[in-house]
Amino acid sequence: MESAKEPKAIMKIEHLNATFQPAKIGNPHGLQITYLKDNSTRNIFVYHEDGKEIVDWFNAIRAARFHYLQVAFPGASDVDLVPKLSRNYLKEGYMEKTGPKQTEGFKKRWFTMDDRRLMYFKDPLDAFARGEVFIGSKENSYKVLEGLPPSTQGNHWQHGITIVTPDRKFLFACETENDQLEWITTFQKVISRPMLPQEYAVEAHFKHKP
């Protein structure tokens, strides 16, 4: 008799999210599931030949989230809770980035903006991000600037973006002016939104991987 095996992962409903990703996964019935592991985002990509199976899993995750939120926020109405069941990413796509010293060469990375988490990956289907950046609000000294500092070198793409945080500046470069505009607009929407009490806790415990 085989001994029972431990599960490979335990995902807390509190931080669980699911979003349809047919183009990224390369399957019309592709689903991306994310959860937090040691305060870092973990991606799982799943698909099924039967679209109904994937939709059922998506709805099951949303139902579990709804039950969790009802318990966590007993005074909230269903209208307030439904938008929190699952979320789509604010934006995804390729940009170039450089390291914290801003002397390293720029490297092309896949970026995902998930609420206030800006994550970057070597490949769109990587399980873990190479790094994550918390994007706070303008009241807390976060801002986005068009362009790069004059001394910047090593970027192949010419349409720069600078994210200023209380700790440091992050430098990115986009391939096209349209990409640059879309990313800046996305960052501005996040930064212009006041931070919620629970987001201060996320900011305090945030781990950035250089």
Foldseek 3Di string as FASTA:
>chain_A
DDDDDDDPDDADLVFKAKDADCPQVVHNQKMWIWGDDLLFIFIDIDGDPDNVVSVVVNVVSLVVNLVVVCVVPVVDDPVVRNVVSHDDWLDKDWKWWDDQVLPDATDIWIWTHHQQKIFTDNGPPDGGGLWIDGQAAVVQVWAKDWADPPVHDRGPAGTKMWIDHPVGIIIIHDNDPVVSVSVNVSSNVSHHDHDDPVVVVSVVSPDTRD
